[in-house]
C-alpha atoms as a PDB file:
ATOM      1  CA  MET A   1     134.096  91.948 112.174  1.00  0.00           C
ATOM      2  CA  GLN A   2     132.280  92.007 108.525  1.00  0.00           C
ATOM      3  CA  LYS A   3     129.809  89.541 109.701  1.00  0.00           C
ATOM      4  CA  GLU A   4     129.595  91.449 112.852  1.00  0.00           C
ATOM      5  CA  ILE A   5     128.692  94.560 110.938  1.00  0.00           C
ATOM      6  CA  GLY A   6     126.369  92.500 108.168  1.00  0.00           C
ATOM      7  CA  ASN A   7     124.458  91.324 111.297  1.00  0.00           C
ATOM      8  CA  PHE A   8     123.659  94.476 112.911  1.00  0.00           C
ATOM      9  CA  GLY A   9     122.856  96.209 109.755  1.00  0.00           C
ATOM     10  CA  GLU A  10     120.383  93.068 108.968  1.00  0.00           C
ATOM     11  CA  GLN A  11     118.787  93.609 112.672  1.00  0.00           C
ATOM     12  CA  ALA A  12     118.274  97.619 111.921  1.00  0.00           C
ATOM     13  CA  ALA A  13     116.819  97.144 108.425  1.00  0.00           C
ATOM     14  CA  ALA A  14     114.269  94.335 109.980  1.00  0.00           C
ATOM     15  CA  ASP A  15     113.316  96.311 113.004  1.00  0.00           C
ATOM     16  CA  TYR A  16     112.938 100.014 110.410  1.00  0.00           C
ATOM     17  CA  LEU A  17     111.073  96.893 108.375  1.00  0.00           C
ATOM     18  CA  GLU A  18     108.620  96.290 111.121  1.00  0.00           C
ATOM     19  CA  ASN A  19     108.397  99.678 112.253  1.00  0.00           C
ATOM     20  CA  LYS A  20     106.852 100.476 108.582  1.00  0.00           C
ATOM     21  CA  GLY A  21     104.333  97.430 108.822  1.00  0.00           C
ATOM     22  CA  LEU A  22     106.116  94.854 106.976  1.00  0.00           C
ATOM     23  CA  LYS A  23     106.196  90.971 108.775  1.00  0.00           C
ATOM     24  CA  ILE A  24     109.414  89.441 108.926  1.00  0.00           C
ATOM     25  CA  ILE A  25     108.900  86.008 107.948  1.00  0.00           C
ATOM     26  CA  LYS A  26     112.659  84.715 107.739  1.00  0.00           C
ATOM     27  CA  ARG A  27     116.299  86.308 107.919  1.00  0.00           C
ATOM     28  CA  ASN A  28     119.631  84.570 106.109  1.00  0.00           C
ATOM     29  CA  PHE A  29     117.360  82.281 104.394  1.00  0.00           C
ATOM     30  CA  TYR A  30     120.024  79.771 102.756  1.00  0.00           C
ATOM     31  CA  CYS A  31     119.839  77.524  99.749  1.00  0.00           C
ATOM     32  CA  ARG A  32     121.962  75.600  96.947  1.00  0.00           C
ATOM     33  CA  VAL A  33     121.364  78.228  95.361  1.00  0.00           C
ATOM     34  CA  GLY A  34     122.039  81.326  97.428  1.00  0.00           C
ATOM     35  CA  GLU A  35     121.311  83.821 100.495  1.00  0.00           C
ATOM     36  CA  LEU A  36     118.080  86.030 101.147  1.00  0.00           C
ATOM     37  CA  ASP A  37     118.962  88.683 104.111  1.00  0.00           C
ATOM     38  CA  ILE A  38     115.095  89.478 104.728  1.00  0.00           C
ATOM     39  CA  ILE A  39     112.169  87.858 103.359  1.00  0.00           C
ATOM     40  CA  ALA A  40     108.896  89.456 104.583  1.00  0.00           C
ATOM     41  CA  THR A  41     105.777  90.281 103.410  1.00  0.00           C
ATOM     42  CA  ASP A  42     103.697  93.591 103.157  1.00  0.00           C
ATOM     43  CA  GLY A  43     100.469  93.033 102.267  1.00  0.00           C
ATOM     44  CA  GLU A  44     100.069  90.364  99.591  1.00  0.00           C
ATOM     45  CA  TYR A  45     103.409  90.710  98.337  1.00  0.00           C
ATOM     46  CA  THR A  46     106.472  88.520  99.465  1.00  0.00           C
ATOM     47  CA  VAL A  47     109.363  90.963  99.708  1.00  0.00           C
ATOM     48  CA  PHE A  48     112.657  89.704  99.335  1.00  0.00           C
ATOM     49  CA  VAL A  49     114.928  92.496 101.103  1.00  0.00           C
ATOM     50  CA  GLU A  50     119.107  93.100 100.086  1.00  0.00           C
ATOM     51  CA  VAL A  51     120.496  94.523 103.318  1.00  0.00           C
ATOM     52  CA  LYS A  52     124.192  97.062 102.358  1.00  0.00           C
ATOM     53  CA  THR A  53     125.408  98.375 105.227  1.00  0.00           C
ATOM     54  CA  ARG A  54     128.109 101.248 105.345  1.00  0.00           C
ATOM     55  CA  LYS A  55     129.689 103.402 107.407  1.00  0.00           C
ATOM     56  CA  SER A  56     128.915 106.503 104.683  1.00  0.00           C
ATOM     57  CA  ALA A  57     128.142 106.931 101.088  1.00  0.00           C
ATOM     58  CA  MET A  58     132.076 107.754 100.035  1.00  0.00           C
ATOM     59  CA  TYR A  59     132.888 105.535  97.374  1.00  0.00           C
ATOM     60  CA  GLY A  60     129.040 105.222  96.649  1.00  0.00           C
ATOM     61  CA  ARG A  61     125.371 104.770  97.535  1.00  0.00           C
ATOM     62  CA  ALA A  62     125.306 100.983  99.256  1.00  0.00           C
ATOM     63  CA  SER A  63     122.661 100.168  97.010  1.00  0.00           C
ATOM     64  CA  GLU A  64     124.911 100.359  93.749  1.00  0.00           C
ATOM     65  CA  PHE A  65     126.984  97.290  95.381  1.00  0.00           C
ATOM     66  CA  VAL A  66     123.739  95.269  94.674  1.00  0.00           C
ATOM     67  CA  ASP A  67     125.206  94.614  90.535  1.00  0.00           C
ATOM     68  CA  TYR A  68     123.568  92.689  88.091  1.00  0.00           C
ATOM     69  CA  ARG A  69     124.944  89.483  88.997  1.00  0.00           C
ATOM     70  CA  LYS A  70     124.001  89.837  92.788  1.00  0.00           C
ATOM     71  CA  GLN A  71     120.712  90.776  91.600  1.00  0.00           C
ATOM     72  CA  GLN A  72     120.623  87.963  89.641  1.00  0.00           C
ATOM     73  CA  LYS A  73     121.447  85.330  92.015  1.00  0.00           C
ATOM     74  CA  ILE A  74     118.845  87.039  94.640  1.00  0.00           C
ATOM     75  CA  ILE A  75     116.396  86.776  91.797  1.00  0.00           C
ATOM     76  CA  LYS A  76     117.186  82.788  91.759  1.00  0.00           C
ATOM     77  CA  THR A  77     117.564  81.964  95.330  1.00  0.00           C
ATOM     78  CA  ALA A  78     113.604  83.956  95.790  1.00  0.00           C
ATOM     79  CA  LEU A  79     112.045  81.622  93.225  1.00  0.00           C
ATOM     80  CA  TYR A  80     113.905  78.535  95.032  1.00  0.00           C
ATOM     81  CA  TYR A  81     112.301  80.027  98.222  1.00  0.00           C
ATOM     82  CA  ILE A  82     108.843  80.927  96.468  1.00  0.00           C
ATOM     83  CA  GLY A  83     108.760  77.210  94.233  1.00  0.00           C
ATOM     84  CA  SER A  84     105.325  77.606  91.909  1.00  0.00           C
ATOM     85  CA  THR A  85     103.286  79.481  94.457  1.00  0.00           C
ATOM     86  CA  ASP A  86     101.379  82.494  92.148  1.00  0.00           C
ATOM     87  CA  THR A  87     102.263  85.048  95.118  1.00  0.00           C
ATOM     88  CA  PRO A  88     102.984  88.339  94.321  1.00  0.00           C
ATOM     89  CA  PHE A  89     106.522  89.358  95.210  1.00  0.00           C
ATOM     90  CA  ARG A  90     109.144  92.244  94.848  1.00  0.00           C
ATOM     91  CA  PHE A  91     113.163  93.498  95.590  1.00  0.00           C
ATOM     92  CA  ASP A  92     113.746  96.023  98.353  1.00  0.00           C
ATOM     93  CA  VAL A  93     117.514  96.951  99.065  1.00  0.00           C
ATOM     94  CA  VAL A  94     117.592  98.796 102.228  1.00  0.00           C
ATOM     95  CA  GLU A  95     120.856 100.853 102.568  1.00  0.00           C
ATOM     96  CA  VAL A  96     122.182 101.272 106.738  1.00  0.00           C
ATOM     97  CA  TYR A  97     124.568 103.590 107.693  1.00  0.00           C
ATOM     98  CA  TYR A  98     126.099 103.880 110.896  1.00  0.00           C
ATOM     99  CA  HIS A  99     129.430 105.031 112.795  1.00  0.00           C
ATOM    100  CA  GLU A 100     130.879 103.530 115.516  1.00  0.00           C
ATOM    101  CA  LYS A 101     130.358 105.173 119.103  1.00  0.00           C
ATOM    102  CA  GLY A 102     132.648 103.593 122.096  1.00  0.00           C
ATOM    103  CA  ASP A 103     132.453  99.619 121.678  1.00  0.00           C
ATOM    104  CA  GLY A 104     129.029  99.844 119.508  1.00  0.00           C
ATOM    105  CA  ARG A 105     127.241 101.005 116.556  1.00  0.00           C
ATOM    106  CA  VAL A 106     125.047 103.654 115.972  1.00  0.00           C
ATOM    107  CA  VAL A 107     122.312 103.703 112.886  1.00  0.00           C
ATOM    108  CA  ASP A 108     122.923 107.100 111.078  1.00  0.00           C
ATOM    109  CA  SER A 109     120.464 106.773 108.379  1.00  0.00           C
ATOM    110  CA  ILE A 110     118.498 104.218 106.807  1.00  0.00           C
ATOM    111  CA  ASN A 111     117.092 104.203 103.469  1.00  0.00           C
ATOM    112  CA  HIS A 112     114.752 101.750 101.908  1.00  0.00           C
ATOM    113  CA  ILE A 113     114.367 100.936  98.101  1.00  0.00           C
ATOM    114  CA  GLU A 114     111.208  99.503  96.846  1.00  0.00           C
ATOM    115  CA  ASN A 115     111.111  97.627  93.720  1.00  0.00           C
ATOM    116  CA  ALA A 116     114.619  98.346  93.716  1.00  0.00           C
ATOM    117  CA  PHE A 117     115.173  95.646  90.766  1.00  0.00           C
ATOM    118  CA  SER A 118     113.305  93.292  88.753  1.00  0.00           C
END
């Protein structure tokens, strides 16, 4: 169930980012260092996106769950991905809020936080 919700949120985030003009390069990049939800480009920038999907912000904003330890893991994985290139990059977080409807899910809102951490 958690993976299903995560996949739902990542698809919603990818669609949202594409509508904003970003180009999705890869989803669910895995390596020995860690995992990245979405890798995209925005002009000259490579953008590493962490997606957090929640029903509500009752227990805190979704982005608050990207704590320092998680940020460090994302940074290490991103550095592994880009290697020694001089490509400028940034780290974004996308919050996806949804509700259940019948047998499916409906997006209530999406919040894109650019340069969420460094």
